[in-house]
Amino acid sequence: MKKRILILLLLLQMAVVSNLFSQNVGINATGSMPDTSAILDVSSTSKGFLLPRMTTEQQNAIILPATGLAIFNTTLNTVQVNTGNPLSPSWSTLTTNTNTNAWSIGGNNVNSVQNFGTTGNFDLPFITNNTEKMRLSAGGNLGIGNTASDGDNAAKLLADAGTSSYNVISGKGDLNNYLQLNIKNINPGSTASSDIVATNDAGTDVNGLNYVNMGINSSNNITTGILGGANTGYLYSTGSDFSIGNASANKNLLLFTGGIDASNERMRIDNDGNIGIATVSPSEKLDVDGNIKFSGAFMPGNSAGSAGNILISNGANAAPKWTAFATGNIAETGSGVLSIAGGTGSVLGNGVSVQVKQASANQSGYLSSDDWNIFNNKLNAGNSSTTVVESFGKTDNFGIKSSLTNPTSTPMLAI
């Protein structure tokens, strides 16, 4: 009790001036009146003002801390002020004794690396117009327009455009070279890949539905299937129809392999819908410059025909037709030899004739002048001999041969 009285007397000796009408108090050693704007005006040139000191645990245990309540946090070595309210306190740091340079809103002149952020296991929100716009989570994930998560498979950068803009991320540059958006998985593992994925509203990482994936496997990838293998690139969809094309008028869709030179083009679909394979100027719906190999049936008019049928043209802009082959007087007289026998019936059908072309010299696929005359004279003379077109021993060359080995047989031409 005596101690308290002594303290009170000491305070009085320090010229405690109290204005009961204005209800403000001044504590000083000079007897000065308190500032009219302060409920308590404490001044000294030799002593300071000592706030209550406590740990973070003790600070958080304060019951219903008033807005503006200040303490010195000994865990963080900072002055903390409750900028929230008693039911939902939010302790903000005013200063720290470990760094005498406060961050200025106009910029800071520093001569070494400085830290900006939290020293406890707390997120760092960024606000404008008194509303949070961005947050750096305690786990190091950044959320723009939405709160970043630190859960499983959390995004390191989450950008949420909300309902006010269709631009989520926009990248620009001004460089006389290629400008890229690069996603690189540096892991060379056997199942590693780098992927860009677009997912619709019904697709998730769990259900694996309705997404488009463009990616490339690692250099050591050993997965199998159509997308598997080292360095395999791919583009595919798990949605419904998958559209690929060129929406520009009078332009083509090109496919190439082996390089990006013009000579590496393998196929194109032009603006008229013509498909060209090994040609850059297709003139028909399918224009192929090269051989065509069939492992199945050729089906004009959706018909494969029957065995032994021949394909007959129906004229321009009409599908050809499979037609039964009329053998007439053609018969096989030996292995690979067809004989045309005499008679009144036509060989290939009503009104159809067989013609053998004449050449002025030995030429592949033709009869020479001399051979033609021999062959023609024998037929005109009614010679009952056998006239044979045979090889001269040179590739693709043939001539006429006369034989009387069977004088009673019907004249024939053996090819």
Protein backbone atom coordinates (compact mmCIF):
# COMPACT_ATOMS: atom_id res chain seq x y z
CA MET A 1 0.00 0.00 0.00
CA LYS A 2 2.81 2.34 0.88
CA LYS A 3 4.51 1.49 -2.40
CA ARG A 4 1.45 2.52 -4.36
CA ILE A 5 1.20 5.82 -2.49
CA LEU A 6 4.84 6.55 -3.29
CA ILE A 7 4.28 5.89 -6.97
CA LEU A 8 1.27 8.21 -6.95
CA LEU A 9 3.25 10.95 -5.27
CA LEU A 10 6.03 10.50 -7.78
CA LEU A 11 3.62 10.91 -10.63
CA LEU A 12 2.29 14.06 -9.05
CA GLN A 13 5.81 15.38 -8.72
CA MET A 14 6.26 14.83 -12.42
CA ALA A 15 3.50 17.39 -12.89
CA VAL A 16 0.60 15.29 -13.92
CA VAL A 17 -1.70 17.76 -15.48
CA SER A 18 -5.28 16.72 -15.83
CA ASN A 19 -7.93 18.77 -17.49
CA LEU A 20 -11.14 17.39 -16.09
CA PHE A 21 -13.27 19.39 -18.49
CA SER A 22 -11.55 18.23 -21.70
CA GLN A 23 -10.89 14.76 -20.21
CA ASN A 24 -7.36 14.47 -21.64
CA VAL A 25 -4.26 13.73 -19.64
CA GLY A 26 -0.69 14.86 -20.06
CA ILE A 27 2.28 13.12 -18.45
CA ASN A 28 5.55 15.07 -18.59
CA ALA A 29 8.24 16.63 -16.45
CA THR A 30 7.62 20.21 -17.57
CA GLY A 31 3.99 20.77 -16.59
CA SER A 32 2.91 21.26 -20.21
CA MET A 33 -0.74 20.96 -21.06
CA PRO A 34 -1.70 17.81 -23.04
CA ASP A 35 -2.43 18.12 -26.76
CA THR A 36 -6.13 18.72 -27.26
CA SER A 37 -6.35 15.92 -29.84
CA ALA A 38 -4.92 13.27 -27.47
CA ILE A 39 -6.71 11.55 -24.62
CA LEU A 40 -3.26 10.78 -23.23
CA ASP A 41 -0.18 12.86 -24.06
CA VAL A 42 3.08 11.38 -22.76
CA SER A 43 6.31 13.25 -23.47
CA SER A 44 9.91 12.76 -22.38
CA THR A 45 13.39 13.37 -23.70
CA SER A 46 15.05 10.61 -21.68
CA LYS A 47 12.57 7.74 -21.44
CA GLY A 48 10.34 5.71 -23.73
CA PHE A 49 6.90 4.13 -23.74
CA LEU A 50 6.94 0.40 -22.96
CA LEU A 51 4.17 -1.73 -24.45
CA PRO A 52 3.00 -4.99 -22.88
CA ARG A 53 5.31 -7.82 -24.02
CA MET A 54 4.07 -11.33 -24.78
CA THR A 55 4.55 -14.33 -27.06
CA THR A 56 2.39 -15.12 -30.12
CA GLU A 57 0.59 -17.79 -28.09
CA GLN A 58 -0.19 -15.30 -25.31
CA GLN A 59 -1.24 -12.68 -27.87
CA ASN A 60 -3.70 -15.07 -29.51
CA ALA A 61 -5.11 -15.95 -26.08
CA ILE A 62 -6.28 -12.37 -25.41
CA ILE A 63 -10.05 -12.46 -25.03
CA LEU A 64 -11.92 -10.13 -27.40
CA PRO A 65 -8.97 -7.83 -28.17
CA ALA A 66 -10.14 -4.37 -29.08
CA THR A 67 -9.51 -2.94 -32.51
CA GLY A 68 -6.27 -0.94 -32.27
CA LEU A 69 -4.95 -2.90 -29.28
CA ALA A 70 -1.15 -2.88 -29.39
CA ILE A 71 1.42 -5.26 -27.90
CA PHE A 72 5.05 -6.18 -28.50
CA ASN A 73 5.30 -9.75 -29.80
CA THR A 74 8.45 -11.36 -28.37
CA THR A 75 8.14 -14.37 -30.69
CA LEU A 76 8.34 -12.23 -33.81
CA ASN A 77 10.17 -9.29 -32.21
CA THR A 78 7.62 -6.88 -33.69
CA VAL A 79 5.01 -4.41 -32.56
CA GLN A 80 1.61 -5.88 -33.36
CA VAL A 81 -1.71 -4.06 -33.64
CA ASN A 82 -5.13 -5.64 -33.96
CA THR A 83 -6.48 -4.25 -37.25
CA GLY A 84 -9.43 -6.61 -37.13
CA ASN A 85 -12.23 -6.59 -34.58
CA PRO A 86 -12.70 -8.30 -31.20
CA LEU A 87 -14.53 -11.28 -32.71
CA SER A 88 -12.13 -11.68 -35.63
CA PRO A 89 -8.76 -10.20 -34.67
CA SER A 90 -6.07 -9.61 -37.29
CA TRP A 91 -2.66 -8.80 -35.86
CA SER A 92 -0.56 -6.61 -38.15
CA THR A 93 3.10 -5.78 -37.76
CA LEU A 94 4.09 -2.14 -37.33
CA THR A 95 7.84 -2.51 -37.16
CA THR A 96 10.64 -4.95 -36.39
CA ASN A 97 13.87 -4.62 -34.48
CA THR A 98 15.72 -6.87 -36.96
CA ASN A 99 15.38 -4.44 -39.87
CA THR A 100 15.53 -0.71 -39.43
CA ASN A 101 14.63 0.01 -43.07
CA ALA A 102 10.88 0.05 -43.61
CA TRP A 103 9.49 -0.55 -47.10
CA SER A 104 8.40 2.70 -48.67
CA ILE A 105 5.37 2.90 -50.93
CA GLY A 106 7.39 5.12 -53.24
CA GLY A 107 10.21 2.62 -53.72
CA ASN A 108 13.27 1.59 -51.74
CA ASN A 109 16.96 2.19 -52.27
CA VAL A 110 18.69 -0.99 -51.12
CA ASN A 111 22.28 -2.11 -51.50
CA SER A 112 21.69 -5.82 -50.90
CA VAL A 113 18.97 -8.47 -51.12
CA GLN A 114 16.08 -7.67 -48.79
CA ASN A 115 13.11 -9.80 -47.74
CA PHE A 116 9.48 -8.85 -48.15
CA GLY A 117 6.81 -11.11 -46.69
CA THR A 118 5.88 -13.06 -43.60
CA THR A 119 8.16 -14.74 -41.10
CA GLY A 120 5.43 -17.02 -39.73
CA ASN A 121 3.45 -19.83 -41.38
CA PHE A 122 0.88 -17.44 -42.82
CA ASP A 123 -0.26 -16.42 -46.30
CA LEU A 124 0.65 -13.02 -47.74
CA PRO A 125 -2.42 -11.29 -49.20
CA PHE A 126 -2.21 -8.32 -51.59
CA ILE A 127 -5.13 -5.91 -51.62
CA THR A 128 -6.32 -3.00 -53.75
CA ASN A 129 -9.38 -0.87 -53.00
CA ASN A 130 -9.48 -2.66 -49.65
CA THR A 131 -10.19 -5.99 -51.43
CA GLU A 132 -7.84 -8.91 -51.79
CA LYS A 133 -6.72 -9.38 -55.42
CA MET A 134 -3.75 -11.71 -55.05
CA ARG A 135 -2.37 -14.07 -52.43
CA LEU A 136 0.93 -15.85 -51.93
CA SER A 137 0.20 -18.91 -49.83
CA ALA A 138 2.39 -20.09 -47.00
CA GLY A 139 3.35 -23.02 -49.25
CA GLY A 140 4.61 -20.71 -52.01
CA ASN A 141 1.64 -20.96 -54.41
CA LEU A 142 0.39 -17.75 -56.02
CA GLY A 143 -3.29 -17.12 -56.63
CA ILE A 144 -4.52 -14.20 -58.77
CA GLY A 145 -8.25 -13.57 -58.57
CA ASN A 146 -8.64 -16.63 -56.38
CA THR A 147 -7.05 -18.06 -53.26
CA ALA A 148 -4.18 -20.42 -54.05
CA SER A 149 -4.29 -23.88 -52.53
CA ASP A 150 -1.48 -25.80 -50.83
CA GLY A 151 -3.18 -29.20 -51.22
CA ASP A 152 -2.24 -32.17 -53.42
CA ASN A 153 -1.32 -31.24 -57.02
CA ALA A 154 -1.83 -27.58 -56.15
CA ALA A 155 -1.17 -25.07 -58.92
CA LYS A 156 1.98 -22.99 -58.46
CA LEU A 157 0.18 -20.21 -60.34
CA LEU A 158 -3.61 -19.95 -60.29
CA ALA A 159 -5.16 -17.21 -62.40
CA ASP A 160 -8.95 -16.80 -62.21
CA ALA A 161 -10.40 -14.27 -64.68
CA GLY A 162 -13.85 -14.57 -63.15
CA THR A 163 -16.78 -13.26 -65.18
CA SER A 164 -15.31 -9.92 -66.30
CA SER A 165 -12.77 -10.99 -68.95
CA TYR A 166 -12.11 -13.84 -71.41
CA ASN A 167 -8.34 -13.25 -71.17
CA VAL A 168 -6.78 -15.33 -68.40
CA ILE A 169 -3.12 -15.06 -69.41
CA SER A 170 -1.75 -12.96 -72.26
CA GLY A 171 1.87 -13.06 -73.36
CA LYS A 172 3.37 -10.45 -75.68
CA GLY A 173 6.78 -9.44 -77.00
CA ASP A 174 8.57 -7.42 -79.64
CA LEU A 175 11.37 -9.62 -81.01
CA ASN A 176 12.54 -10.27 -84.56
CA ASN A 177 12.75 -13.99 -83.80
CA TYR A 178 10.40 -16.68 -82.58
CA LEU A 179 8.58 -15.87 -79.34
CA GLN A 180 7.56 -18.90 -77.32
CA LEU A 181 5.58 -20.10 -74.35
CA ASN A 182 7.69 -23.01 -73.13
CA ILE A 183 6.62 -25.73 -70.73
CA LYS A 184 9.50 -28.09 -69.97
CA ASN A 185 9.56 -31.13 -67.72
CA ILE A 186 13.25 -31.59 -66.89
CA ASN A 187 12.65 -35.07 -65.46
CA PRO A 188 14.05 -37.73 -67.89
CA GLY A 189 12.06 -40.55 -66.29
CA SER A 190 10.51 -43.52 -68.08
CA THR A 191 6.95 -42.13 -67.82
CA ALA A 192 7.72 -38.38 -67.90
CA SER A 193 6.22 -35.98 -70.43
CA SER A 194 5.48 -32.28 -70.90
CA ASP A 195 1.83 -31.44 -71.66
CA ILE A 196 -0.50 -28.53 -72.32
CA VAL A 197 -4.09 -29.47 -71.44
CA ALA A 198 -7.40 -27.68 -72.04
CA THR A 199 -10.35 -29.06 -70.04
CA ASN A 200 -14.04 -28.16 -70.25
CA ASP A 201 -16.45 -27.65 -67.34
CA ALA A 202 -17.18 -31.39 -66.92
CA GLY A 203 -13.57 -32.53 -66.98
CA THR A 204 -11.36 -32.99 -63.92
CA ASP A 205 -7.96 -34.46 -63.10
CA VAL A 206 -9.82 -37.39 -61.54
CA ASN A 207 -12.39 -38.37 -64.21
CA GLY A 208 -10.10 -37.69 -67.20
CA LEU A 209 -12.98 -36.49 -69.38
CA ASN A 210 -13.36 -33.84 -72.08
CA TYR A 211 -9.88 -32.48 -72.56
CA VAL A 212 -7.45 -31.75 -75.37
CA ASN A 213 -3.82 -32.70 -74.75
CA MET A 214 -0.74 -31.61 -76.65
CA GLY A 215 2.58 -32.89 -75.38
CA ILE A 216 5.85 -34.74 -75.86
CA ASN A 217 7.41 -37.67 -74.01
CA SER A 218 10.76 -37.57 -72.26
CA SER A 219 13.92 -38.85 -73.91
CA ASN A 220 13.76 -42.02 -71.78
CA ASN A 221 10.03 -42.68 -71.93
CA ILE A 222 9.25 -46.39 -72.24
CA THR A 223 5.44 -46.31 -72.16
CA THR A 224 3.64 -48.25 -74.88
CA GLY A 225 0.61 -47.63 -77.06
CA ILE A 226 0.08 -45.09 -79.80
CA LEU A 227 1.24 -42.24 -77.53
CA GLY A 228 4.16 -44.14 -76.00
CA GLY A 229 7.88 -44.15 -76.68
CA ALA A 230 10.82 -41.81 -76.24
CA ASN A 231 10.44 -38.31 -77.71
CA THR A 232 6.95 -39.07 -79.13
CA GLY A 233 4.88 -35.92 -79.67
CA TYR A 234 1.09 -36.04 -79.70
CA LEU A 235 -2.13 -34.07 -80.04
CA TYR A 236 -5.43 -35.73 -79.14
CA SER A 237 -8.83 -35.21 -77.55
CA THR A 238 -11.08 -37.16 -75.19
CA GLY A 239 -14.16 -35.11 -76.06
CA SER A 240 -16.61 -35.70 -78.90
CA ASP A 241 -15.69 -34.69 -82.46
CA PHE A 242 -12.15 -33.38 -82.90
CA SER A 243 -11.88 -30.62 -85.51
CA ILE A 244 -8.60 -29.69 -87.20
CA GLY A 245 -8.54 -27.34 -90.17
CA ASN A 246 -7.79 -23.96 -91.68
CA ALA A 247 -10.58 -21.40 -91.35
CA SER A 248 -8.94 -18.85 -93.67
CA ALA A 249 -10.52 -18.48 -97.11
CA ASN A 250 -8.57 -19.78 -100.14
CA LYS A 251 -5.91 -21.39 -97.96
CA ASN A 252 -4.76 -25.01 -97.64
CA LEU A 253 -4.21 -27.55 -94.89
CA LEU A 254 -0.73 -29.06 -95.21
CA LEU A 255 0.82 -32.18 -93.70
CA PHE A 256 4.58 -32.73 -93.80
CA THR A 257 7.25 -35.13 -92.51
CA GLY A 258 11.04 -35.16 -92.36
CA GLY A 259 11.60 -31.40 -92.17
CA ILE A 260 9.98 -28.04 -92.82
CA ASP A 261 11.25 -27.38 -96.35
CA ALA A 262 8.65 -27.17 -99.13
CA SER A 263 9.88 -30.53 -100.45
CA ASN A 264 8.81 -32.21 -97.21
CA GLU A 265 5.11 -31.68 -97.86
CA ARG A 266 3.39 -35.06 -98.10
CA MET A 267 -0.30 -34.24 -98.36
CA ARG A 268 -2.61 -31.25 -98.61
CA ILE A 269 -6.31 -30.47 -98.62
CA ASP A 270 -6.92 -27.39 -100.74
CA ASN A 271 -9.66 -24.79 -100.44
CA ASP A 272 -11.92 -26.78 -102.82
CA GLY A 273 -11.67 -29.94 -100.72
CA ASN A 274 -9.34 -31.74 -103.15
CA ILE A 275 -6.81 -34.03 -101.50
CA GLY A 276 -3.35 -34.17 -103.00
CA ILE A 277 -0.80 -36.84 -102.08
CA ALA A 278 2.72 -36.08 -103.33
CA THR A 279 1.29 -33.18 -105.34
CA VAL A 280 0.79 -29.54 -104.36
CA SER A 281 -1.93 -28.86 -106.93
CA PRO A 282 -4.62 -31.55 -106.71
CA SER A 283 -7.17 -31.30 -109.51
CA GLU A 284 -9.56 -34.02 -108.33
CA LYS A 285 -11.08 -35.04 -105.01
CA LEU A 286 -8.14 -37.45 -104.69
CA ASP A 287 -5.03 -36.75 -106.74
CA VAL A 288 -2.09 -39.13 -106.18
CA ASP A 289 1.29 -38.67 -107.84
CA GLY A 290 2.73 -42.17 -107.52
CA ASN A 291 1.74 -45.82 -107.22
CA ILE A 292 -1.30 -46.97 -105.27
CA LYS A 293 -1.33 -50.27 -103.40
CA PHE A 294 -4.59 -51.96 -102.39
CA SER A 295 -4.80 -54.57 -99.67
CA GLY A 296 -8.58 -54.67 -99.94
CA ALA A 297 -11.23 -54.27 -102.62
CA PHE A 298 -11.57 -51.26 -104.92
CA MET A 299 -15.25 -50.36 -104.58
CA PRO A 300 -16.67 -47.85 -107.07
CA GLY A 301 -20.35 -47.28 -106.36
CA ASN A 302 -19.81 -49.23 -103.10
CA SER A 303 -19.39 -52.45 -105.11
CA ALA A 304 -16.38 -54.77 -105.09
CA GLY A 305 -17.63 -56.64 -108.17
CA SER A 306 -17.07 -60.37 -108.67
CA ALA A 307 -13.92 -62.35 -109.31
CA GLY A 308 -12.83 -61.99 -112.96
CA ASN A 309 -14.79 -58.74 -113.55
CA ILE A 310 -13.17 -55.86 -115.41
CA LEU A 311 -13.63 -52.17 -114.65
CA ILE A 312 -15.53 -50.25 -117.34
CA SER A 313 -15.64 -46.44 -117.44
CA ASN A 314 -19.02 -44.72 -117.33
CA GLY A 315 -17.60 -41.43 -118.60
CA ALA A 316 -16.67 -38.17 -116.91
CA ASN A 317 -17.99 -37.44 -113.40
CA ALA A 318 -19.45 -40.94 -113.08
CA ALA A 319 -18.17 -43.89 -111.09
CA PRO A 320 -16.76 -46.79 -113.15
CA LYS A 321 -18.52 -50.14 -113.00
CA TRP A 322 -17.35 -53.69 -112.53
CA THR A 323 -18.40 -55.74 -115.61
CA ALA A 324 -18.23 -59.48 -116.34
CA PHE A 325 -15.47 -60.26 -118.89
CA ALA A 326 -16.81 -62.00 -122.08
CA THR A 327 -14.07 -64.45 -123.15
CA GLY A 328 -15.54 -65.09 -126.65
CA ASN A 329 -12.93 -66.90 -128.76
CA ILE A 330 -9.99 -66.24 -126.41
CA ALA A 331 -8.46 -69.35 -124.90
CA GLU A 332 -5.27 -70.13 -123.03
CA THR A 333 -3.04 -72.36 -125.18
CA GLY A 334 -0.18 -72.59 -122.74
CA SER A 335 1.24 -71.12 -119.60
CA GLY A 336 0.77 -67.39 -119.99
CA VAL A 337 -0.27 -67.70 -123.69
CA LEU A 338 -3.68 -66.53 -124.94
CA SER A 339 -4.89 -67.68 -128.40
CA ILE A 340 -7.54 -65.88 -130.47
CA ALA A 341 -9.32 -68.48 -132.61
CA GLY A 342 -11.13 -67.74 -135.87
CA GLY A 343 -14.90 -67.81 -136.08
CA THR A 344 -17.94 -65.70 -136.64
CA GLY A 345 -18.42 -64.62 -133.01
CA SER A 346 -16.85 -61.46 -131.68
CA VAL A 347 -13.94 -61.78 -129.25
CA LEU A 348 -14.87 -59.29 -126.55
CA GLY A 349 -18.51 -58.70 -127.29
CA ASN A 350 -20.81 -57.59 -130.05
CA GLY A 351 -19.05 -55.25 -132.49
CA VAL A 352 -15.68 -55.31 -130.67
CA SER A 353 -12.48 -55.92 -132.65
CA VAL A 354 -8.88 -56.69 -131.75
CA GLN A 355 -6.23 -54.41 -133.19
CA VAL A 356 -2.46 -54.95 -133.35
CA LYS A 357 -0.50 -51.71 -133.76
CA GLN A 358 2.30 -51.32 -136.31
CA ALA A 359 5.70 -49.67 -135.83
CA SER A 360 8.35 -48.65 -138.34
CA ALA A 361 11.07 -50.40 -136.32
CA ASN A 362 11.41 -52.85 -133.46
CA GLN A 363 9.64 -51.20 -130.53
CA SER A 364 8.35 -52.53 -127.24
CA GLY A 365 4.66 -53.43 -127.58
CA TYR A 366 4.38 -52.97 -131.39
CA LEU A 367 4.88 -54.96 -134.63
CA SER A 368 7.53 -53.82 -137.11
CA SER A 369 6.58 -53.06 -140.76
CA ASP A 370 8.12 -56.30 -142.05
CA ASP A 371 6.47 -58.42 -139.37
CA TRP A 372 3.14 -56.73 -139.99
CA ASN A 373 3.26 -57.46 -143.74
CA ILE A 374 4.17 -61.13 -143.15
CA PHE A 375 1.35 -61.48 -140.62
CA ASN A 376 -1.20 -59.64 -142.78
CA ASN A 377 -0.30 -61.54 -146.02
CA LYS A 378 -0.64 -64.90 -144.32
CA LEU A 379 -4.11 -64.06 -143.01
CA ASN A 380 -5.27 -62.56 -146.35
CA ALA A 381 -4.03 -65.65 -148.28
CA GLY A 382 -6.08 -67.88 -146.03
CA ASN A 383 -2.94 -69.80 -145.11
CA SER A 384 -3.89 -72.51 -142.67
CA SER A 385 -0.78 -72.02 -140.63
CA THR A 386 -0.16 -70.80 -137.13
CA THR A 387 1.05 -67.24 -136.74
CA VAL A 388 2.74 -66.56 -133.44
CA VAL A 389 3.79 -63.31 -131.82
CA GLU A 390 6.87 -64.22 -129.83
CA SER A 391 9.77 -62.62 -128.02
CA PHE A 392 12.96 -61.72 -129.86
CA GLY A 393 14.93 -62.35 -126.68
CA LYS A 394 15.00 -58.66 -125.80
CA THR A 395 12.96 -57.26 -122.98
CA ASP A 396 9.45 -56.26 -124.11
CA ASN A 397 10.24 -56.80 -127.86
CA PHE A 398 8.28 -59.29 -129.97
CA GLY A 399 7.76 -60.24 -133.66
CA ILE A 400 5.87 -62.65 -135.99
CA LYS A 401 6.67 -66.32 -136.55
CA SER A 402 5.12 -68.68 -139.16
CA SER A 403 4.75 -72.43 -138.61
CA LEU A 404 3.12 -75.28 -140.60
CA THR A 405 3.37 -77.81 -137.82
CA ASN A 406 -0.40 -78.18 -137.78
CA PRO A 407 -1.72 -77.38 -141.31
CA THR A 408 -5.25 -78.57 -140.56
CA SER A 409 -5.82 -76.39 -137.52
CA THR A 410 -7.72 -73.14 -137.45
CA PRO A 411 -5.54 -70.01 -137.95
CA MET A 412 -4.85 -68.25 -134.68
CA LEU A 413 -2.78 -65.47 -133.14
CA ALA A 414 -0.91 -66.51 -130.03
CA ILE A 415 0.18 -63.68 -127.74
